[in-house]
Amino acid sequence: MARSLVIVGKKDAMRYVTACITLFNRGEREVTLRARGRNIENCIRTIMLLRKSFYSNLRIKEITIGSDRVLREDGRPRYVSFLEAVITL
């Protein structure tokens, strides 16, 4: 079974909360949230809003941290941190 993925960006955290709620309402039991760089804080905020306001039984099944290698326009590599959290009901 493929996990549902929500990529967290710069938008307001409630947009990502809504996306997660939609996936859970469709029957998904597991949702993966992924954020890079400065958006990691928004990812954590999304998880906390889900737990505090909507799903008190929400569990964080797994958290993965690391860095992605991204090439700049001039061809040099740049490393960007990422956080991937798998949440379940």
N, C-alpha and C. Protein backbone atom coordinates (compact mmCIF):
# COMPACT_ATOMS: atom_id res chain seq x y z
N MET A 1 0.84 -1.19 0.00
CA MET A 1 0.00 0.00 0.00
C MET A 1 0.88 1.25 0.00
N ALA A 2 0.68 2.11 -0.96
CA ALA A 2 1.44 3.35 -1.05
C ALA A 2 0.93 4.36 -0.02
N ARG A 3 1.87 5.05 0.58
CA ARG A 3 1.48 6.06 1.55
C ARG A 3 1.11 7.35 0.84
N SER A 4 0.17 8.07 1.44
CA SER A 4 -0.22 9.37 0.90
C SER A 4 0.80 10.40 1.34
N LEU A 5 1.16 11.29 0.45
CA LEU A 5 2.21 12.27 0.70
C LEU A 5 1.64 13.68 0.63
N VAL A 6 1.96 14.48 1.64
CA VAL A 6 1.63 15.91 1.64
C VAL A 6 2.96 16.65 1.73
N ILE A 7 3.26 17.44 0.70
CA ILE A 7 4.50 18.21 0.70
C ILE A 7 4.18 19.58 1.29
N VAL A 8 4.83 19.89 2.41
CA VAL A 8 4.58 21.13 3.14
C VAL A 8 5.50 22.21 2.60
N GLY A 9 4.89 23.34 2.24
CA GLY A 9 5.64 24.47 1.71
C GLY A 9 5.44 25.72 2.54
N LYS A 10 5.34 26.84 1.84
CA LYS A 10 5.28 28.15 2.50
C LYS A 10 3.87 28.61 2.87
N LYS A 11 2.86 27.92 2.38
CA LYS A 11 1.48 28.34 2.65
C LYS A 11 1.14 28.18 4.12
N ASP A 12 0.01 28.73 4.50
CA ASP A 12 -0.45 28.64 5.89
C ASP A 12 -0.62 27.17 6.29
N ALA A 13 -0.26 26.86 7.53
CA ALA A 13 -0.31 25.48 8.02
C ALA A 13 -1.71 24.87 7.92
N MET A 14 -2.75 25.68 8.01
CA MET A 14 -4.12 25.14 7.96
C MET A 14 -4.42 24.51 6.60
N ARG A 15 -3.77 24.94 5.55
CA ARG A 15 -3.96 24.30 4.23
C ARG A 15 -3.49 22.85 4.26
N TYR A 16 -2.37 22.62 4.92
CA TYR A 16 -1.82 21.27 5.00
C TYR A 16 -2.61 20.42 5.99
N VAL A 17 -3.13 21.07 7.04
CA VAL A 17 -4.02 20.37 7.97
C VAL A 17 -5.26 19.88 7.22
N THR A 18 -5.83 20.74 6.39
CA THR A 18 -7.00 20.38 5.60
C THR A 18 -6.68 19.23 4.65
N ALA A 19 -5.51 19.26 4.03
CA ALA A 19 -5.11 18.18 3.12
C ALA A 19 -5.02 16.86 3.88
N CYS A 20 -4.46 16.87 5.07
CA CYS A 20 -4.34 15.65 5.88
C CYS A 20 -5.71 15.14 6.31
N ILE A 21 -6.58 16.04 6.74
CA ILE A 21 -7.93 15.65 7.15
C ILE A 21 -8.66 15.01 5.98
N THR A 22 -8.52 15.59 4.79
CA THR A 22 -9.15 15.03 3.59
C THR A 22 -8.66 13.61 3.34
N LEU A 23 -7.37 13.39 3.44
CA LEU A 23 -6.82 12.05 3.22
C LEU A 23 -7.32 11.06 4.27
N PHE A 24 -7.35 11.48 5.53
CA PHE A 24 -7.85 10.61 6.59
C PHE A 24 -9.33 10.28 6.37
N ASN A 25 -10.11 11.27 5.94
CA ASN A 25 -11.54 11.04 5.68
C ASN A 25 -11.78 10.12 4.49
N ARG A 26 -10.83 10.05 3.57
CA ARG A 26 -10.93 9.14 2.43
C ARG A 26 -10.58 7.70 2.80
N GLY A 27 -10.15 7.50 4.05
CA GLY A 27 -9.85 6.15 4.49
C GLY A 27 -8.38 5.85 4.69
N GLU A 28 -7.51 6.81 4.41
CA GLU A 28 -6.08 6.58 4.64
C GLU A 28 -5.82 6.46 6.14
N ARG A 29 -4.99 5.53 6.50
CA ARG A 29 -4.64 5.37 7.92
C ARG A 29 -3.29 5.98 8.21
N GLU A 30 -2.52 6.25 7.15
CA GLU A 30 -1.16 6.77 7.27
C GLU A 30 -0.95 7.89 6.27
N VAL A 31 -0.40 9.00 6.73
CA VAL A 31 -0.10 10.13 5.85
C VAL A 31 1.35 10.55 6.12
N THR A 32 2.09 10.80 5.04
CA THR A 32 3.47 11.26 5.17
C THR A 32 3.53 12.75 4.86
N LEU A 33 4.12 13.51 5.78
CA LEU A 33 4.34 14.94 5.58
C LEU A 33 5.83 15.13 5.29
N ARG A 34 6.15 15.91 4.26
CA ARG A 34 7.55 16.13 3.91
C ARG A 34 7.78 17.62 3.71
N ALA A 35 8.85 18.12 4.33
CA ALA A 35 9.20 19.54 4.20
C ALA A 35 10.72 19.67 4.09
N ARG A 36 11.15 20.72 3.40
CA ARG A 36 12.57 20.99 3.27
C ARG A 36 12.89 22.40 3.75
N GLY A 37 14.08 22.56 4.26
CA GLY A 37 14.60 23.88 4.62
C GLY A 37 13.76 24.62 5.65
N ARG A 38 13.43 25.85 5.32
CA ARG A 38 12.68 26.70 6.24
C ARG A 38 11.24 26.24 6.47
N ASN A 39 10.77 25.35 5.63
CA ASN A 39 9.39 24.87 5.75
C ASN A 39 9.24 23.76 6.80
N ILE A 40 10.34 23.29 7.37
CA ILE A 40 10.28 22.25 8.40
C ILE A 40 9.44 22.71 9.59
N GLU A 41 9.60 23.97 9.97
CA GLU A 41 8.83 24.53 11.08
C GLU A 41 7.33 24.46 10.78
N ASN A 42 6.95 24.73 9.55
CA ASN A 42 5.54 24.68 9.15
C ASN A 42 5.01 23.25 9.21
N CYS A 43 5.85 22.29 8.90
CA CYS A 43 5.47 20.88 8.96
C CYS A 43 5.17 20.48 10.41
N ILE A 44 6.02 20.89 11.32
CA ILE A 44 5.81 20.58 12.74
C ILE A 44 4.55 21.28 13.24
N ARG A 45 4.34 22.51 12.82
CA ARG A 45 3.13 23.25 13.21
C ARG A 45 1.88 22.52 12.71
N THR A 46 1.93 21.99 11.50
CA THR A 46 0.81 21.23 10.93
C THR A 46 0.48 20.02 11.79
N ILE A 47 1.50 19.27 12.17
CA ILE A 47 1.29 18.08 13.00
C ILE A 47 0.69 18.46 14.35
N MET A 48 1.20 19.51 14.95
CA MET A 48 0.69 19.92 16.26
C MET A 48 -0.75 20.41 16.18
N LEU A 49 -1.10 21.12 15.11
CA LEU A 49 -2.49 21.56 14.93
C LEU A 49 -3.42 20.37 14.75
N LEU A 50 -2.99 19.39 13.96
CA LEU A 50 -3.80 18.19 13.76
C LEU A 50 -4.05 17.49 15.09
N ARG A 51 -3.02 17.35 15.89
CA ARG A 51 -3.14 16.64 17.16
C ARG A 51 -3.98 17.42 18.18
N LYS A 52 -3.73 18.71 18.27
CA LYS A 52 -4.39 19.52 19.29
C LYS A 52 -5.86 19.80 18.97
N SER A 53 -6.17 20.04 17.69
CA SER A 53 -7.50 20.49 17.33
C SER A 53 -8.41 19.44 16.71
N PHE A 54 -7.84 18.39 16.11
CA PHE A 54 -8.70 17.48 15.35
C PHE A 54 -8.60 16.01 15.77
N TYR A 55 -7.40 15.52 15.97
CA TYR A 55 -7.21 14.09 16.26
C TYR A 55 -6.34 13.93 17.50
N SER A 56 -6.97 13.75 18.65
CA SER A 56 -6.19 13.58 19.89
C SER A 56 -5.45 12.25 19.90
N ASN A 57 -5.90 11.30 19.07
CA ASN A 57 -5.27 9.98 19.02
C ASN A 57 -4.20 9.89 17.92
N LEU A 58 -3.83 11.02 17.31
CA LEU A 58 -2.83 11.04 16.24
C LEU A 58 -1.48 10.61 16.80
N ARG A 59 -0.82 9.70 16.07
CA ARG A 59 0.51 9.24 16.47
C ARG A 59 1.51 9.57 15.37
N ILE A 60 2.72 9.88 15.80
CA ILE A 60 3.82 10.05 14.86
C ILE A 60 4.52 8.70 14.82
N LYS A 61 4.36 8.02 13.70
CA LYS A 61 4.89 6.66 13.57
C LYS A 61 6.40 6.67 13.32
N GLU A 62 6.83 7.61 12.50
CA GLU A 62 8.24 7.63 12.10
C GLU A 62 8.64 9.04 11.69
N ILE A 63 9.86 9.43 12.06
CA ILE A 63 10.41 10.71 11.62
C ILE A 63 11.76 10.44 10.99
N THR A 64 11.95 10.98 9.79
CA THR A 64 13.22 10.84 9.09
C THR A 64 13.76 12.23 8.81
N ILE A 65 15.02 12.43 9.14
CA ILE A 65 15.67 13.71 8.83
C ILE A 65 16.90 13.43 7.98
N GLY A 66 17.27 14.40 7.18
CA GLY A 66 18.44 14.23 6.34
C GLY A 66 18.64 15.46 5.48
N SER A 67 19.38 15.29 4.41
CA SER A 67 19.58 16.41 3.51
C SER A 67 19.52 15.92 2.07
N ASP A 68 18.94 16.76 1.21
CA ASP A 68 18.84 16.50 -0.22
C ASP A 68 19.93 17.29 -0.92
N ARG A 69 20.51 16.69 -1.93
CA ARG A 69 21.52 17.38 -2.74
C ARG A 69 20.79 18.01 -3.92
N VAL A 70 20.88 19.32 -4.01
CA VAL A 70 20.22 20.08 -5.06
C VAL A 70 21.29 20.83 -5.83
N LEU A 71 21.20 20.81 -7.15
CA LEU A 71 22.17 21.54 -7.97
C LEU A 71 21.71 22.98 -8.17
N ARG A 72 22.63 23.90 -7.98
CA ARG A 72 22.34 25.31 -8.24
C ARG A 72 22.36 25.56 -9.74
N GLU A 73 21.97 26.75 -10.13
CA GLU A 73 21.97 27.10 -11.55
C GLU A 73 23.36 27.03 -12.17
N ASP A 74 24.39 27.31 -11.36
CA ASP A 74 25.75 27.27 -11.88
C ASP A 74 26.34 25.85 -11.85
N GLY A 75 25.53 24.87 -11.43
CA GLY A 75 25.96 23.48 -11.45
C GLY A 75 26.59 22.99 -10.16
N ARG A 76 26.81 23.88 -9.21
CA ARG A 76 27.41 23.46 -7.93
C ARG A 76 26.33 22.85 -7.03
N PRO A 77 26.72 21.87 -6.23
CA PRO A 77 25.73 21.24 -5.34
C PRO A 77 25.43 22.11 -4.11
N ARG A 78 24.22 21.97 -3.64
CA ARG A 78 23.77 22.64 -2.42
C ARG A 78 23.01 21.60 -1.62
N TYR A 79 23.13 21.62 -0.33
CA TYR A 79 22.45 20.64 0.51
C TYR A 79 21.35 21.32 1.31
N VAL A 80 20.14 20.74 1.23
CA VAL A 80 18.97 21.30 1.89
C VAL A 80 18.43 20.25 2.87
N SER A 81 18.25 20.63 4.12
CA SER A 81 17.72 19.71 5.12
C SER A 81 16.27 19.37 4.83
N PHE A 82 15.87 18.14 5.20
CA PHE A 82 14.47 17.77 5.06
C PHE A 82 14.00 17.02 6.30
N LEU A 83 12.70 17.03 6.50
CA LEU A 83 12.05 16.27 7.56
C LEU A 83 10.88 15.55 6.91
N GLU A 84 10.77 14.26 7.21
CA GLU A 84 9.67 13.47 6.71
C GLU A 84 9.03 12.78 7.92
N ALA A 85 7.76 13.05 8.14
CA ALA A 85 7.06 12.48 9.30
C ALA A 85 5.87 11.66 8.81
N VAL A 86 5.77 10.43 9.30
CA VAL A 86 4.63 9.56 8.99
C VAL A 86 3.69 9.62 10.18
N ILE A 87 2.45 10.06 9.94
CA ILE A 87 1.47 10.16 11.02
C ILE A 87 0.35 9.16 10.78
N THR A 88 -0.18 8.62 11.85
CA THR A 88 -1.25 7.63 11.76
C THR A 88 -2.35 7.94 12.76
N LEU A 89 -3.49 7.37 12.52
CA LEU A 89 -4.62 7.48 13.45
C LEU A 89 -4.75 6.18 14.23
